[in-house]
Amino acid sequence: MIDDGVKEHGRDDVVVQDISMHLVEAIEAGERLRAHFGVPPVVTEEGAADAPVAGQ
């Protein structure tokens, strides 16, 4: 929808993409790196992944 609005205003040089696709690509890339280096996922007592946050 945003893409249609941008093109409606004559801007064919602007690329509009869905952020969810970028998130999926980043998550999958992280999973591949983790698997490549043999790092197991860290799981807390509650069973949720306890991933490190940038800057920590």
Protein backbone atom coordinates (compact mmCIF):
# COMPACT_ATOMS: atom_id res chain seq x y z
CA MET A 1 0.00 0.00 0.00
CA ILE A 2 2.80 2.40 0.82
CA ASP A 3 4.49 1.42 -2.43
CA ASP A 4 1.34 2.36 -4.35
CA GLY A 5 1.19 5.74 -2.62
CA VAL A 6 4.83 6.47 -3.40
CA LYS A 7 4.42 5.56 -7.05
CA GLU A 8 1.18 7.58 -7.21
CA HIS A 9 3.27 10.66 -6.41
CA GLY A 10 5.63 9.89 -9.29
CA ARG A 11 8.52 8.48 -7.26
CA ASP A 12 9.64 5.36 -9.10
CA ASP A 13 13.14 5.64 -7.60
CA VAL A 14 11.96 4.85 -4.04
CA VAL A 15 11.96 1.21 -2.96
CA VAL A 16 9.45 0.30 -0.25
CA GLN A 17 9.94 -3.05 1.50
CA ASP A 18 8.18 -4.87 4.30
CA ILE A 19 10.16 -4.76 7.55
CA SER A 20 9.03 -8.28 8.43
CA MET A 21 11.09 -9.65 5.53
CA HIS A 22 14.20 -7.93 6.89
CA LEU A 23 13.52 -9.32 10.36
CA VAL A 24 13.12 -12.87 9.05
CA GLU A 25 16.37 -12.57 7.07
CA ALA A 26 18.25 -11.28 10.14
CA ILE A 27 16.88 -14.03 12.40
CA GLU A 28 17.70 -16.73 9.88
CA ALA A 29 21.22 -15.35 9.38
CA GLY A 30 21.77 -15.38 13.14
CA GLU A 31 20.54 -18.95 13.39
CA ARG A 32 22.91 -20.02 10.60
CA LEU A 33 25.86 -18.36 12.35
CA ARG A 34 24.94 -19.96 15.66
CA ALA A 35 24.70 -23.39 14.02
CA HIS A 36 27.95 -22.86 12.08
CA PHE A 37 29.90 -22.13 15.26
CA GLY A 38 28.10 -24.84 17.23
CA VAL A 39 26.69 -22.46 19.81
CA PRO A 40 23.56 -23.93 21.42
CA PRO A 41 20.63 -21.63 22.15
CA VAL A 42 20.53 -20.39 25.73
CA VAL A 43 17.25 -21.29 27.40
CA THR A 44 16.04 -19.98 30.75
CA GLU A 45 14.06 -21.92 33.33
CA GLU A 46 10.86 -20.61 31.77
CA GLY A 47 11.93 -22.03 28.41
CA ALA A 48 12.29 -18.67 26.66
CA ALA A 49 15.43 -17.90 24.68
CA ASP A 50 17.73 -15.63 26.64
CA ALA A 51 19.54 -14.01 23.73
CA PRO A 52 22.14 -11.33 24.40
CA VAL A 53 21.22 -7.77 23.48
CA ALA A 54 23.58 -5.52 21.53
CA GLY A 55 25.62 -3.37 23.86
CA GLN A 56 25.55 -5.78 26.79
